[in-house]
Amino acid sequence: MKQAILAFLFFAVGFVAQAQTKAPEVIKFVETKHNFGKIKQGVPVEYEFKFTNVSGKPVIIENALASCGCTTPTWPQQPIMNGKTGTIKAGFNAAAPGPFDKTITVKIKGVQLPVEVRISGEVVAGGK
């Protein structure tokens, strides 16, 4: 009997933990990754991550934080109505040559887990 109860508790705890790690889909991105390929050092590039509000109610993007100072995100400051689209813009300006992989963490009001989008590529010398 003890084993049956322990097995049930183990299953229940695992189920609850799994449910808490899955964020509800509030916005749906067309894509969450973009590779710039080879870009010139010191020449800024920008990419727009397009998304649609699929929540059934207005969505507010509270913040978008970049993993480093060379990446500058911008996001809509007004609510995105249900079914409407918006963009998270990712600007990137590299000072050093080499490969890069940067993350932008998007915080949505009322949603505990943030959403991530990524940019990557390779910076080549001689862009100035």
C-alpha atoms as a PDB file:
ATOM      1  CA  MET A   1       0.000   0.000   0.000  1.00  0.00           C
ATOM      2  CA  LYS A   2       2.843   2.384   0.865  1.00  0.00           C
ATOM      3  CA  GLN A   3       4.451   1.754  -2.508  1.00  0.00           C
ATOM      4  CA  ALA A   4       1.218   2.546  -4.342  1.00  0.00           C
ATOM      5  CA  ILE A   5       0.832   5.828  -2.444  1.00  0.00           C
ATOM      6  CA  LEU A   6       4.474   6.769  -3.040  1.00  0.00           C
ATOM      7  CA  ALA A   7       4.160   5.956  -6.739  1.00  0.00           C
ATOM      8  CA  PHE A   8       1.028   8.103  -6.987  1.00  0.00           C
ATOM      9  CA  LEU A   9       2.704  11.028  -5.175  1.00  0.00           C
ATOM     10  CA  PHE A  10       5.791  10.756  -7.398  1.00  0.00           C
ATOM     11  CA  PHE A  11       3.577  10.821 -10.500  1.00  0.00           C
ATOM     12  CA  ALA A  12       1.499  13.742  -9.194  1.00  0.00           C
ATOM     13  CA  VAL A  13       4.550  15.842  -8.293  1.00  0.00           C
ATOM     14  CA  GLY A  14       6.133  15.153 -11.699  1.00  0.00           C
ATOM     15  CA  PHE A  15       2.909  16.101 -13.479  1.00  0.00           C
ATOM     16  CA  VAL A  16       2.597  19.394 -11.574  1.00  0.00           C
ATOM     17  CA  ALA A  17       6.271  20.257 -12.163  1.00  0.00           C
ATOM     18  CA  GLN A  18       5.885  19.592 -15.897  1.00  0.00           C
ATOM     19  CA  ALA A  19       2.737  21.716 -16.088  1.00  0.00           C
ATOM     20  CA  GLN A  20       4.508  24.646 -14.419  1.00  0.00           C
ATOM     21  CA  THR A  21       7.409  24.669 -16.883  1.00  0.00           C
ATOM     22  CA  LYS A  22       5.154  25.024 -19.953  1.00  0.00           C
ATOM     23  CA  ALA A  23       4.247  28.652 -20.608  1.00  0.00           C
ATOM     24  CA  PRO A  24       0.808  29.328 -22.043  1.00  0.00           C
ATOM     25  CA  GLU A  25       0.953  30.382 -25.680  1.00  0.00           C
ATOM     26  CA  VAL A  26      -0.075  34.025 -25.618  1.00  0.00           C
ATOM     27  CA  ILE A  27       1.840  35.241 -28.649  1.00  0.00           C
ATOM     28  CA  LYS A  28       2.888  33.112 -31.598  1.00  0.00           C
ATOM     29  CA  PHE A  29       6.100  34.058 -33.398  1.00  0.00           C
ATOM     30  CA  VAL A  30       6.541  33.386 -37.117  1.00  0.00           C
ATOM     31  CA  GLU A  31      10.074  32.328 -36.135  1.00  0.00           C
ATOM     32  CA  THR A  32      12.102  32.532 -32.930  1.00  0.00           C
ATOM     33  CA  LYS A  33      15.597  32.295 -34.470  1.00  0.00           C
ATOM     34  CA  HIS A  34      17.345  34.331 -37.139  1.00  0.00           C
ATOM     35  CA  ASN A  35      20.806  33.791 -38.591  1.00  0.00           C
ATOM     36  CA  PHE A  36      22.318  36.897 -40.220  1.00  0.00           C
ATOM     37  CA  GLY A  37      25.068  34.826 -41.830  1.00  0.00           C
ATOM     38  CA  LYS A  38      28.275  36.831 -42.302  1.00  0.00           C
ATOM     39  CA  ILE A  39      28.060  40.496 -41.377  1.00  0.00           C
ATOM     40  CA  LYS A  40      30.742  43.193 -41.407  1.00  0.00           C
ATOM     41  CA  GLN A  41      32.323  44.348 -38.170  1.00  0.00           C
ATOM     42  CA  GLY A  42      30.971  47.696 -36.952  1.00  0.00           C
ATOM     43  CA  VAL A  43      28.042  47.706 -39.407  1.00  0.00           C
ATOM     44  CA  PRO A  44      24.726  47.536 -37.513  1.00  0.00           C
ATOM     45  CA  VAL A  45      22.073  45.023 -38.586  1.00  0.00           C
ATOM     46  CA  GLU A  46      18.453  44.620 -37.504  1.00  0.00           C
ATOM     47  CA  TYR A  47      15.837  41.881 -37.671  1.00  0.00           C
ATOM     48  CA  GLU A  48      12.121  41.972 -36.842  1.00  0.00           C
ATOM     49  CA  PHE A  49      10.609  38.968 -35.087  1.00  0.00           C
ATOM     50  CA  LYS A  50       6.930  39.092 -36.079  1.00  0.00           C
ATOM     51  CA  PHE A  51       4.277  37.690 -33.756  1.00  0.00           C
ATOM     52  CA  THR A  52       0.500  37.413 -33.444  1.00  0.00           C
ATOM     53  CA  ASN A  53      -1.564  37.729 -30.268  1.00  0.00           C
ATOM     54  CA  VAL A  54      -3.357  34.362 -29.910  1.00  0.00           C
ATOM     55  CA  SER A  55      -4.478  34.814 -26.289  1.00  0.00           C
ATOM     56  CA  GLY A  56      -8.057  35.958 -26.813  1.00  0.00           C
ATOM     57  CA  LYS A  57      -7.395  39.233 -24.964  1.00  0.00           C
ATOM     58  CA  PRO A  58      -5.054  42.243 -25.215  1.00  0.00           C
ATOM     59  CA  VAL A  59      -1.373  41.447 -24.533  1.00  0.00           C
ATOM     60  CA  ILE A  60       1.200  43.812 -23.086  1.00  0.00           C
ATOM     61  CA  ILE A  61       4.920  43.242 -23.644  1.00  0.00           C
ATOM     62  CA  GLU A  62       6.472  44.451 -20.385  1.00  0.00           C
ATOM     63  CA  ASN A  63      10.107  44.175 -21.405  1.00  0.00           C
ATOM     64  CA  ALA A  64      12.611  42.679 -23.816  1.00  0.00           C
ATOM     65  CA  LEU A  65      16.092  42.119 -22.396  1.00  0.00           C
ATOM     66  CA  ALA A  66      19.154  41.302 -24.484  1.00  0.00           C
ATOM     67  CA  SER A  67      21.884  38.928 -23.363  1.00  0.00           C
ATOM     68  CA  CYS A  68      24.544  41.600 -24.051  1.00  0.00           C
ATOM     69  CA  GLY A  69      24.987  45.315 -24.670  1.00  0.00           C
ATOM     70  CA  CYS A  70      25.701  44.857 -28.385  1.00  0.00           C
ATOM     71  CA  THR A  71      22.082  43.753 -28.927  1.00  0.00           C
ATOM     72  CA  THR A  72      19.338  46.375 -28.650  1.00  0.00           C
ATOM     73  CA  PRO A  73      15.745  45.154 -28.605  1.00  0.00           C
ATOM     74  CA  THR A  74      12.686  47.318 -29.132  1.00  0.00           C
ATOM     75  CA  TRP A  75       9.092  46.195 -28.577  1.00  0.00           C
ATOM     76  CA  PRO A  76       5.543  47.578 -28.821  1.00  0.00           C
ATOM     77  CA  GLN A  77       4.723  49.935 -25.952  1.00  0.00           C
ATOM     78  CA  GLN A  78       0.945  49.710 -26.460  1.00  0.00           C
ATOM     79  CA  PRO A  79      -1.237  46.602 -25.943  1.00  0.00           C
ATOM     80  CA  ILE A  80      -1.487  44.198 -28.879  1.00  0.00           C
ATOM     81  CA  MET A  81      -5.151  43.327 -29.412  1.00  0.00           C
ATOM     82  CA  ASN A  82      -6.338  39.755 -29.941  1.00  0.00           C
ATOM     83  CA  GLY A  83      -5.523  38.533 -33.451  1.00  0.00           C
ATOM     84  CA  LYS A  84      -3.308  41.536 -34.215  1.00  0.00           C
ATOM     85  CA  THR A  85       0.409  41.411 -34.964  1.00  0.00           C
ATOM     86  CA  GLY A  86       3.487  43.085 -33.535  1.00  0.00           C
ATOM     87  CA  THR A  87       7.259  42.879 -33.764  1.00  0.00           C
ATOM     88  CA  ILE A  88      10.245  42.579 -31.491  1.00  0.00           C
ATOM     89  CA  LYS A  89      13.142  44.312 -33.268  1.00  0.00           C
ATOM     90  CA  ALA A  90      16.634  43.021 -32.586  1.00  0.00           C
ATOM     91  CA  GLY A  91      19.437  45.418 -33.436  1.00  0.00           C
ATOM     92  CA  PHE A  92      23.021  44.137 -33.365  1.00  0.00           C
ATOM     93  CA  ASN A  93      26.338  45.955 -33.727  1.00  0.00           C
ATOM     94  CA  ALA A  94      29.493  43.905 -33.136  1.00  0.00           C
ATOM     95  CA  ALA A  95      32.838  45.408 -32.270  1.00  0.00           C
ATOM     96  CA  ALA A  96      34.752  42.109 -32.419  1.00  0.00           C
ATOM     97  CA  PRO A  97      34.982  39.566 -35.239  1.00  0.00           C
ATOM     98  CA  GLY A  98      33.813  35.994 -34.705  1.00  0.00           C
ATOM     99  CA  PRO A  99      30.615  33.983 -34.328  1.00  0.00           C
ATOM    100  CA  PHE A 100      27.783  35.266 -32.164  1.00  0.00           C
ATOM    101  CA  ASP A 101      24.590  33.837 -30.663  1.00  0.00           C
ATOM    102  CA  LYS A 102      22.466  36.315 -28.686  1.00  0.00           C
ATOM    103  CA  THR A 103      19.192  35.893 -26.819  1.00  0.00           C
ATOM    104  CA  ILE A 104      16.374  38.362 -26.265  1.00  0.00           C
ATOM    105  CA  THR A 105      14.105  37.470 -23.369  1.00  0.00           C
ATOM    106  CA  VAL A 106      10.555  38.782 -23.832  1.00  0.00           C
ATOM    107  CA  LYS A 107       8.453  39.296 -20.690  1.00  0.00           C
ATOM    108  CA  ILE A 108       4.675  39.336 -21.216  1.00  0.00           C
ATOM    109  CA  LYS A 109       2.417  40.864 -18.550  1.00  0.00           C
ATOM    110  CA  GLY A 110       0.545  38.201 -16.600  1.00  0.00           C
ATOM    111  CA  VAL A 111       2.691  35.319 -17.919  1.00  0.00           C
ATOM    112  CA  GLN A 112       5.227  33.912 -15.491  1.00  0.00           C
ATOM    113  CA  LEU A 113       7.673  32.361 -17.962  1.00  0.00           C
ATOM    114  CA  PRO A 114       9.267  34.627 -20.596  1.00  0.00           C
ATOM    115  CA  VAL A 115       9.633  33.822 -24.289  1.00  0.00           C
ATOM    116  CA  GLU A 116      13.033  33.838 -25.994  1.00  0.00           C
ATOM    117  CA  VAL A 117      14.092  34.801 -29.498  1.00  0.00           C
ATOM    118  CA  ARG A 118      17.660  34.411 -30.798  1.00  0.00           C
ATOM    119  CA  ILE A 119      19.930  36.014 -33.346  1.00  0.00           C
ATOM    120  CA  SER A 120      23.160  34.511 -34.582  1.00  0.00           C
ATOM    121  CA  GLY A 121      25.767  34.836 -37.289  1.00  0.00           C
ATOM    122  CA  GLU A 122      29.420  35.592 -37.844  1.00  0.00           C
ATOM    123  CA  VAL A 123      31.110  38.983 -37.708  1.00  0.00           C
ATOM    124  CA  VAL A 124      33.905  39.434 -40.229  1.00  0.00           C
ATOM    125  CA  ALA A 125      36.636  42.082 -39.936  1.00  0.00           C
ATOM    126  CA  GLY A 126      36.872  45.100 -42.197  1.00  0.00           C
ATOM    127  CA  GLY A 127      33.404  46.638 -42.089  1.00  0.00           C
ATOM    128  CA  LYS A 128      34.349  50.210 -41.262  1.00  0.00           C
END
